Protein backbone atom coordinates (compact mmCIF):
# COMPACT_ATOMS: atom_id res chain seq x y z
CA MET A 1 -0.22 -0.24 -0.26
CA ALA A 2 1.40 3.43 -0.83
CA SER A 3 2.36 5.50 1.79
CA PRO A 4 0.13 8.89 2.10
CA ALA A 5 3.46 11.22 1.84
CA ALA A 6 3.69 9.05 -1.85
CA THR A 7 -0.16 9.46 -2.64
CA GLU A 8 -0.58 13.51 -1.42
CA PRO A 9 1.20 15.07 -4.63
CA SER A 10 -0.92 13.04 -6.79
CA SER A 11 -3.89 13.78 -4.40
CA ALA A 12 -2.87 17.77 -4.64
CA VAL A 13 -2.36 17.64 -8.37
CA ALA A 14 -5.79 15.82 -8.98
CA GLY A 15 -7.57 18.12 -6.64
CA PHE A 16 -6.32 21.33 -8.32
CA PHE A 17 -7.03 20.04 -12.06
CA SER A 18 -10.77 19.35 -10.67
CA ALA A 19 -12.28 22.37 -12.12
CA GLY A 20 -10.73 24.70 -14.76
CA PHE A 21 -11.12 27.85 -12.82
CA ARG A 22 -7.99 26.82 -10.41
CA PRO A 23 -5.52 26.77 -13.16
CA PHE A 24 -6.46 29.38 -15.21
CA PHE A 25 -7.15 31.90 -12.75
CA LEU A 26 -4.03 31.08 -10.93
CA PHE A 27 -1.75 31.07 -13.96
CA GLY A 28 -3.68 33.16 -15.80
CA ALA A 29 -3.02 35.87 -13.24
CA LEU A 30 0.76 34.99 -13.03
CA GLN A 31 1.10 35.83 -16.70
CA PRO A 32 -0.31 39.24 -17.02
CA ALA A 33 2.28 40.00 -14.03
CA LEU A 34 5.01 38.58 -15.80
CA MET A 35 3.76 40.11 -18.97
CA MET A 36 4.10 43.23 -17.91
CA ALA A 37 7.38 43.15 -15.92
CA LEU A 38 9.10 41.86 -19.07
CA TRP A 39 7.09 44.49 -21.59
CA VAL A 40 7.76 47.77 -20.02
CA PRO A 41 11.84 47.45 -19.82
CA TRP A 42 11.78 45.98 -23.44
CA PHE A 43 9.42 49.16 -24.68
CA LEU A 44 11.80 51.89 -22.64
CA GLY A 45 14.52 50.05 -24.53
CA LEU A 46 15.90 48.75 -21.68
CA SER A 47 15.75 44.58 -22.58
CA HIS A 48 14.68 42.67 -25.34
CA LEU A 49 12.86 39.25 -25.44
CA PRO A 50 13.40 36.65 -28.05
CA SER A 51 10.10 37.28 -29.93
CA ALA A 52 9.40 37.72 -33.39
CA MET A 53 7.29 40.26 -32.73
CA PRO A 54 7.81 43.78 -31.97
CA PRO A 55 7.24 44.97 -28.22
CA VAL A 56 3.98 47.20 -28.86
CA ALA A 57 2.56 43.94 -30.65
CA TRP A 58 3.38 41.03 -28.02
CA HIS A 59 2.06 43.44 -25.59
CA GLN A 60 -1.62 43.33 -27.49
CA HIS A 61 -1.06 39.46 -28.22
CA GLU A 62 -0.65 38.80 -24.73
CA LEU A 63 -3.34 40.51 -23.00
CA MET A 64 -6.08 39.95 -25.65
CA PHE A 65 -5.08 36.29 -27.07
CA GLY A 66 -3.21 35.22 -23.40
CA TYR A 67 -4.38 36.54 -20.58
CA VAL A 68 -8.01 36.79 -21.55
CA PRO A 69 -8.77 33.84 -22.94
CA ALA A 70 -7.23 32.14 -19.61
CA VAL A 71 -9.98 34.00 -17.52
CA ILE A 72 -12.56 33.07 -19.86
CA ALA A 73 -11.20 29.16 -20.13
CA GLY A 74 -11.48 29.52 -16.15
CA PHE A 75 -15.25 31.57 -15.93
CA LEU A 76 -16.51 28.87 -18.84
CA LEU A 77 -15.21 25.76 -17.40
CA THR A 78 -16.80 26.86 -14.24
CA ALA A 79 -19.82 27.69 -15.55
CA VAL A 80 -20.89 25.38 -18.45
CA PRO A 81 -21.52 22.30 -16.10
CA ASN A 82 -23.98 24.88 -14.27
CA TRP A 83 -25.97 25.67 -17.24
CA THR A 84 -25.73 22.09 -18.45
CA GLY A 85 -25.75 19.69 -15.57
CA ARG A 86 -23.05 17.68 -16.78
CA LYS A 87 -19.85 17.18 -15.21
CA PRO A 88 -16.93 19.55 -15.22
CA LEU A 89 -13.77 19.59 -17.56
CA SER A 90 -11.35 17.82 -14.89
CA GLY A 91 -8.33 15.26 -14.74
CA LEU A 92 -6.06 14.84 -17.79
CA PRO A 93 -8.72 16.47 -20.18
CA LEU A 94 -8.10 19.88 -18.56
CA VAL A 95 -4.40 19.61 -17.75
CA LEU A 96 -3.79 18.99 -21.51
CA LEU A 97 -6.03 21.98 -22.53
CA PHE A 98 -3.52 23.98 -19.71
CA VAL A 99 -0.66 22.98 -21.45
CA LEU A 100 -2.16 24.29 -24.86
CA TRP A 101 -2.21 27.34 -22.91
CA LEU A 102 0.60 27.67 -21.15
CA ALA A 103 2.67 26.47 -24.53
CA GLY A 104 1.02 29.48 -26.42
CA ARG A 105 2.72 31.49 -24.21
CA GLY A 106 6.02 30.38 -24.45
CA ALA A 107 5.90 29.97 -28.41
CA ILE A 108 5.00 33.64 -28.76
CA ALA A 109 7.77 35.07 -26.51
CA CYS A 110 10.54 32.74 -27.92
CA SER A 111 9.12 32.89 -31.66
CA ASP A 112 12.40 34.49 -32.49
CA TRP A 113 14.19 30.94 -31.71
CA ILE A 114 11.19 28.37 -32.92
CA GLY A 115 10.14 30.40 -35.92
CA ALA A 116 7.31 32.91 -36.18
CA ALA A 117 5.17 30.32 -38.17
CA THR A 118 5.40 27.40 -35.38
CA ALA A 119 4.75 29.75 -32.84
CA MET A 120 1.75 31.42 -34.35
CA ALA A 121 0.41 27.99 -34.73
CA VAL A 122 0.80 26.57 -31.27
CA ALA A 123 -0.56 30.07 -29.77
CA ALA A 124 -3.60 30.32 -32.39
CA ALA A 125 -4.85 26.47 -31.47
CA PHE A 126 -5.90 27.19 -27.90
CA LEU A 127 -9.43 29.23 -28.80
CA PRO A 128 -10.66 26.57 -31.13
CA VAL A 129 -10.13 23.47 -28.82
CA LEU A 130 -11.87 25.77 -26.04
CA ALA A 131 -14.44 26.32 -28.05
CA LEU A 132 -15.14 23.05 -29.18
CA ILE A 133 -14.98 21.47 -25.53
CA VAL A 134 -17.67 23.80 -24.85
CA LEU A 135 -19.94 23.72 -27.85
CA ARG A 136 -19.48 20.07 -27.09
CA GLU A 137 -21.02 20.07 -23.67
CA LEU A 138 -23.70 22.72 -24.56
CA VAL A 139 -24.79 20.43 -27.61
CA LEU A 140 -24.89 16.99 -25.54
CA ALA A 141 -27.29 18.98 -23.00
CA GLY A 142 -29.28 20.90 -25.76
CA ASN A 143 -28.39 24.20 -24.30
CA ARG A 144 -28.80 26.58 -27.36
CA ARG A 145 -29.40 29.65 -25.41
CA ASN A 146 -25.63 30.08 -24.57
CA TYR A 147 -23.91 29.09 -28.00
CA LYS A 148 -23.21 33.01 -28.32
CA VAL A 149 -20.22 32.52 -25.91
CA VAL A 150 -19.04 29.78 -28.43
CA VAL A 151 -19.61 32.55 -31.04
CA ALA A 152 -17.80 35.01 -29.33
CA LEU A 153 -14.86 32.69 -28.81
CA GLY A 154 -14.98 32.40 -32.71
CA ALA A 155 -14.76 36.26 -33.20
CA LEU A 156 -11.59 36.28 -31.02
CA PHE A 157 -9.98 33.18 -32.51
CA ALA A 158 -10.68 35.21 -36.22
CA ALA A 159 -9.47 38.08 -34.48
CA GLU A 160 -6.00 36.48 -33.40
CA LEU A 161 -5.48 34.89 -36.86
CA LEU A 162 -5.69 38.33 -38.72
CA PHE A 163 -3.64 39.72 -36.00
CA PHE A 164 -0.95 37.45 -37.14
CA TYR A 165 -1.49 38.30 -40.81
CA GLU A 166 -1.44 41.82 -39.91
CA VAL A 167 1.66 41.96 -37.68
CA ASP A 168 3.38 39.56 -40.24
CA ARG A 169 2.73 42.22 -43.26
CA TYR A 170 2.81 45.34 -41.33
CA GLY A 171 4.56 45.39 -38.40
CA PHE A 172 1.35 45.81 -36.07
CA ALA A 173 -2.10 45.04 -36.13
CA GLU A 174 -4.67 47.89 -36.09
CA PHE A 175 -7.56 46.09 -37.36
CA ALA A 176 -7.27 42.97 -35.39
CA ASP A 177 -6.75 44.94 -32.44
CA ARG A 178 -9.78 46.69 -32.57
CA MET A 179 -11.89 43.42 -33.10
CA ALA A 180 -10.72 41.33 -30.28
CA ILE A 181 -11.29 44.75 -27.76
CA GLY A 182 -14.50 45.15 -29.05
CA THR A 183 -15.65 41.49 -28.75
CA ILE A 184 -14.08 41.43 -25.36
CA ILE A 185 -16.17 44.86 -24.40
CA MET A 186 -19.27 43.22 -25.65
CA LEU A 187 -18.39 40.47 -23.10
CA VAL A 188 -17.83 42.29 -20.47
CA THR A 189 -21.28 44.60 -21.39
CA ILE A 190 -23.31 41.38 -21.78
CA ILE A 191 -22.08 39.07 -18.62
CA GLY A 192 -21.12 42.47 -16.71
CA GLY A 193 -24.65 43.63 -17.34
CA ARG A 194 -26.34 40.27 -16.16
CA ILE A 195 -23.83 39.37 -12.90
CA ILE A 196 -23.41 43.07 -11.61
CA PRO A 197 -27.33 44.24 -11.16
CA ALA A 198 -27.79 40.63 -10.22
CA PHE A 199 -25.00 40.80 -7.26
CA THR A 200 -25.78 44.16 -6.54
CA GLY A 201 -29.48 43.31 -6.07
CA ASN A 202 -28.72 40.19 -3.82
CA TRP A 203 -26.47 42.06 -1.40
CA LEU A 204 -28.82 45.29 -1.28
CA ARG A 205 -31.84 42.87 -0.37
CA GLN A 206 -29.37 42.17 2.94
CA GLN A 207 -27.82 44.78 3.89
CA ASN A 208 -29.26 48.35 2.36
CA PRO A 209 -33.23 48.01 2.18
CA GLY A 210 -34.39 50.09 -0.61
CA GLY A 211 -35.13 49.94 -4.63
CA LEU A 212 -33.39 47.25 -6.56
CA PRO A 213 -31.55 47.12 -9.93
CA PRO A 214 -34.08 46.53 -12.82
CA SER A 215 -33.38 42.96 -14.39
CA PHE A 216 -32.01 42.87 -18.41
CA ASP A 217 -35.21 44.59 -20.09
CA ARG A 218 -35.21 46.60 -23.20
CA PHE A 219 -33.38 49.61 -22.21
CA ASP A 220 -30.51 47.12 -21.77
CA MET A 221 -30.90 45.74 -25.02
CA ALA A 222 -31.13 48.89 -26.51
CA CYS A 223 -27.78 50.08 -25.03
CA MET A 224 -26.19 46.22 -26.10
CA VAL A 225 -27.65 46.93 -29.70
CA LEU A 226 -25.95 50.84 -29.53
CA ALA A 227 -22.71 49.51 -28.24
CA PHE A 228 -22.42 46.38 -30.99
CA ALA A 229 -23.20 49.41 -33.62
CA ALA A 230 -20.14 51.52 -32.62
CA LEU A 231 -17.69 48.72 -31.77
CA THR A 232 -18.57 47.72 -35.58
CA CYS A 233 -18.17 51.21 -36.76
CA TRP A 234 -15.08 51.77 -35.18
CA LEU A 235 -13.45 48.55 -36.31
CA ILE A 236 -14.33 49.35 -40.14
CA ALA A 237 -13.32 53.09 -39.52
CA ALA A 238 -9.85 51.67 -38.99
CA ARG A 239 -9.47 50.79 -42.97
CA ILE A 240 -12.38 53.75 -43.81
CA ASP A 241 -11.37 57.39 -42.73
CA ALA A 242 -14.42 58.92 -44.16
CA LEU A 243 -16.21 56.37 -41.22
CA ALA A 244 -14.68 58.43 -38.26
CA TRP A 245 -17.02 61.22 -37.95
CA PRO A 246 -20.07 58.69 -37.57
CA ALA A 247 -18.00 56.19 -35.62
CA GLY A 248 -17.51 59.14 -33.24
CA MET A 249 -21.32 60.00 -32.72
CA LEU A 250 -21.95 56.51 -32.06
CA MET A 251 -19.01 56.06 -29.82
CA LEU A 252 -20.73 59.15 -27.51
CA ALA A 253 -23.87 58.19 -28.01
CA ALA A 254 -22.83 54.58 -26.93
CA GLY A 255 -20.91 55.68 -23.88
CA THR A 256 -23.92 57.95 -22.67
CA ALA A 257 -26.29 54.79 -22.57
CA GLN A 258 -23.73 52.60 -20.79
CA PHE A 259 -23.41 55.30 -18.23
CA ALA A 260 -26.99 55.77 -17.79
CA ARG A 261 -27.47 52.15 -17.78
CA GLN A 262 -24.70 51.49 -15.12
CA VAL A 263 -26.83 54.51 -12.87
CA ARG A 264 -29.85 52.12 -12.53
CA TRP A 265 -27.74 49.46 -10.89
CA ALA A 266 -27.23 52.11 -8.12
CA PRO A 267 -23.30 51.83 -7.67
CA LEU A 268 -23.54 54.64 -4.88
CA ARG A 269 -25.08 52.20 -2.52
CA THR A 270 -22.53 49.51 -2.46
CA PHE A 271 -19.83 51.15 -0.66
CA ALA A 272 -19.88 48.93 1.86
CA GLU A 273 -19.14 46.12 0.28
CA PRO A 274 -15.74 45.93 -2.15
CA LEU A 275 -16.51 42.99 -3.62
CA VAL A 276 -19.32 44.45 -5.37
CA THR A 277 -18.02 47.92 -5.56
CA VAL A 278 -15.48 47.00 -7.49
CA LEU A 279 -17.42 45.37 -10.19
CA HIS A 280 -19.34 48.95 -10.72
CA VAL A 281 -15.58 50.95 -10.68
CA ALA A 282 -14.83 48.02 -13.21
CA PHE A 283 -17.71 48.55 -15.46
CA PHE A 284 -17.39 52.34 -15.19
CA PHE A 285 -14.37 52.02 -17.78
CA VAL A 286 -16.53 50.74 -20.31
CA PRO A 287 -18.64 54.23 -21.12
CA ALA A 288 -15.58 56.27 -20.36
CA GLY A 289 -13.83 54.02 -23.00
CA PHE A 290 -16.68 54.71 -25.20
CA LEU A 291 -16.75 58.49 -24.46
CA LEU A 292 -12.49 58.79 -24.96
CA THR A 293 -12.79 56.64 -28.30
CA GLY A 294 -15.86 59.13 -29.58
CA ALA A 295 -14.09 62.05 -28.64
CA ALA A 296 -10.85 60.74 -30.05
CA LEU A 297 -12.40 60.31 -33.63
CA LEU A 298 -13.85 63.54 -33.79
CA SER A 299 -10.97 64.99 -33.11
CA GLY A 300 -8.13 62.88 -34.45
CA ASP A 301 -6.13 63.14 -30.94
CA PRO A 302 -3.72 60.62 -30.93
CA GLY A 303 -4.03 60.75 -26.71
CA LEU A 304 -7.32 60.40 -26.07
CA ARG A 305 -7.60 57.54 -28.64
CA THR A 306 -4.48 55.79 -26.57
CA ALA A 307 -6.73 56.71 -23.35
CA GLY A 308 -9.81 55.64 -24.16
CA VAL A 309 -8.40 51.96 -25.78
CA HIS A 310 -6.57 51.98 -22.26
CA ALA A 311 -9.62 52.74 -20.35
CA TRP A 312 -11.07 49.38 -21.85
CA THR A 313 -8.35 47.04 -21.30
CA VAL A 314 -6.59 48.19 -18.35
CA GLY A 315 -9.45 49.40 -16.61
CA ALA A 316 -13.02 46.95 -17.88
CA ILE A 317 -10.85 44.14 -18.74
CA GLY A 318 -8.51 43.90 -16.20
CA GLY A 319 -10.53 45.58 -13.28
CA MET A 320 -13.44 43.04 -14.12
CA THR A 321 -11.54 39.98 -14.47
CA LEU A 322 -9.73 40.64 -11.30
CA ALA A 323 -13.09 41.25 -9.95
CA VAL A 324 -14.50 38.19 -11.12
CA MET A 325 -11.77 35.74 -10.20
CA THR A 326 -11.76 37.15 -6.63
CA ARG A 327 -15.55 36.74 -6.40
CA ALA A 328 -15.66 33.58 -7.92
CA THR A 329 -12.79 32.06 -5.99
CA ARG A 330 -14.09 33.04 -2.78
CA GLY A 331 -17.34 31.59 -3.71
CA HIS A 332 -16.27 28.56 -5.12
CA SER A 333 -13.85 27.69 -2.10
CA GLY A 334 -16.29 28.15 0.77
CA GLN A 335 -15.17 31.55 1.62
CA MET A 336 -17.87 34.31 2.81
CA LEU A 337 -18.62 36.80 -0.36
CA HIS A 338 -16.57 39.48 1.72
CA ALA A 339 -13.28 41.46 0.43
CA PRO A 340 -11.39 41.61 3.19
CA ALA A 341 -9.13 44.70 3.66
CA SER A 342 -6.30 42.78 2.01
CA THR A 343 -8.20 42.10 -1.27
CA VAL A 344 -8.98 45.67 -1.30
CA LEU A 345 -5.52 47.35 -0.99
CA ALA A 346 -3.80 44.75 -2.85
CA ILE A 347 -5.85 44.05 -5.70
CA TYR A 348 -8.48 46.78 -6.26
CA VAL A 349 -6.63 49.54 -5.72
CA PRO A 350 -3.53 48.91 -7.61
CA ILE A 351 -5.35 47.65 -10.72
CA LEU A 352 -7.57 51.43 -10.34
CA LEU A 353 -3.87 53.26 -9.99
CA ALA A 354 -2.81 51.16 -12.80
CA ALA A 355 -5.91 52.30 -15.04
CA LEU A 356 -5.50 55.67 -14.41
CA ALA A 357 -1.78 55.92 -14.66
CA ARG A 358 -2.18 54.36 -18.03
CA ILE A 359 -4.99 57.08 -19.38
CA GLY A 360 -3.06 59.69 -17.54
CA ALA A 361 0.07 58.91 -19.63
CA ALA A 362 -1.89 59.02 -22.80
CA LEU A 363 -3.15 62.09 -22.10
CA ALA A 364 -0.06 63.92 -20.70
CA PRO A 365 2.71 61.94 -22.77
CA GLU A 366 5.11 64.23 -21.38
CA LEU A 367 5.02 62.43 -18.46
CA THR A 368 5.15 59.09 -19.66
CA MET A 369 8.41 58.33 -17.95
CA VAL A 370 6.64 58.27 -14.92
CA LEU A 371 3.20 57.36 -15.41
CA LEU A 372 4.02 54.65 -17.80
CA PRO A 373 6.24 52.47 -15.32
CA LEU A 374 4.07 53.30 -12.26
CA SER A 375 0.98 51.77 -14.25
CA GLY A 376 2.84 48.87 -14.96
CA THR A 377 3.92 48.58 -11.54
CA CYS A 378 0.75 49.08 -10.10
CA TRP A 379 -0.55 46.17 -12.60
CA ILE A 380 1.92 43.70 -11.61
CA VAL A 381 0.82 44.46 -7.62
CA ALA A 382 -2.73 43.46 -8.62
CA PHE A 383 -2.05 40.23 -10.25
CA LEU A 384 0.78 39.43 -8.01
CA GLY A 385 -1.62 40.28 -4.56
CA PHE A 386 -4.56 37.89 -6.21
CA VAL A 387 -1.55 35.31 -6.44
CA VAL A 388 -0.68 35.73 -3.08
CA LEU A 389 -4.08 36.36 -1.53
CA TYR A 390 -6.05 33.50 -3.40
CA GLY A 391 -3.20 30.81 -4.86
CA PRO A 392 -3.33 29.59 -1.41
CA LEU A 393 -7.34 28.93 -1.91
CA LEU A 394 -7.03 27.91 -5.59
CA LEU A 395 -4.34 25.09 -4.24
CA ARG A 396 -6.22 23.62 -1.85
CA LYS A 397 -8.49 20.55 -2.63
CA ALA A 398 -11.71 20.79 -3.86
């Protein structure tokens, strides 16, 4: 009979790969911290990576097609079993999926050594494999209403292929970058538009009686349609300059609508619980990104354009993913749905400062050498804070 010491490591590994959120949230948080630690000095000319991609393209790729898919995988592989009633992906299949994601990160970072084509093939394999896994579960359960998540994964995969083409041909990717950002922001507005009022309502019922946020209704649907139209026009405007003005007007309208939508969720009544407040703070960067991007399209100001993109990527995407990961990890590990001071100070405050500093660097380029490193440092602190505080919960046996 094997001794307890001999079986404990395998048991720990089995526990870690018992649910998708465990490996993908933990290493998904490690990856953006490491990415930023490598990218800032590379961007400032202080170091170099053996990547065939230029620094900005590598940074874009690893955020949009590295970090974000990891969080999506962790979320979907946990949510789909709840949607379908089927067993979650675990064990060896989950290990292989995780290794595929990890291989993509290494391949892109070392693409100068292994060849760009090989690196792209390895990196691009993750999203379609994840989409097929999710689609299989939905089809077997007859769950058609959630096919839209597979469509979103397909759009993100198409954006990644286009990204590789643009970088290979032009040395940078604008159309694919906009396509990826637009796809992810639509996911944030859809998923956030459901979970934020729901979680806020649940908390208000217990702690702050009064009016509750309305359920998803026709106003929300109209805001979603307007956001989709604005993002689509913004995407096409990357190739057709004449669309800059209508895209800008649509962006301003969409930003105003998303802000009005968020006001209905009673964000100012949630300050007593940071686990809820952080969702509202992160979502605020969605309308902010629309408004800044709209102003950029109408004025042609490159600073506003960069500020708008980073309001979405650092503020909305970075903030929302950390908010969801902290809440989901606490919930699935049996912790109270309350964010302690350590979570606020080590995760929520740094990611907010990272977003504000990055937007500030875009609007005040003369301060770039101060604000860009500050933003990068705060970003690293936020994600390492998640690893330190929530890693033990993710590593704990199910």
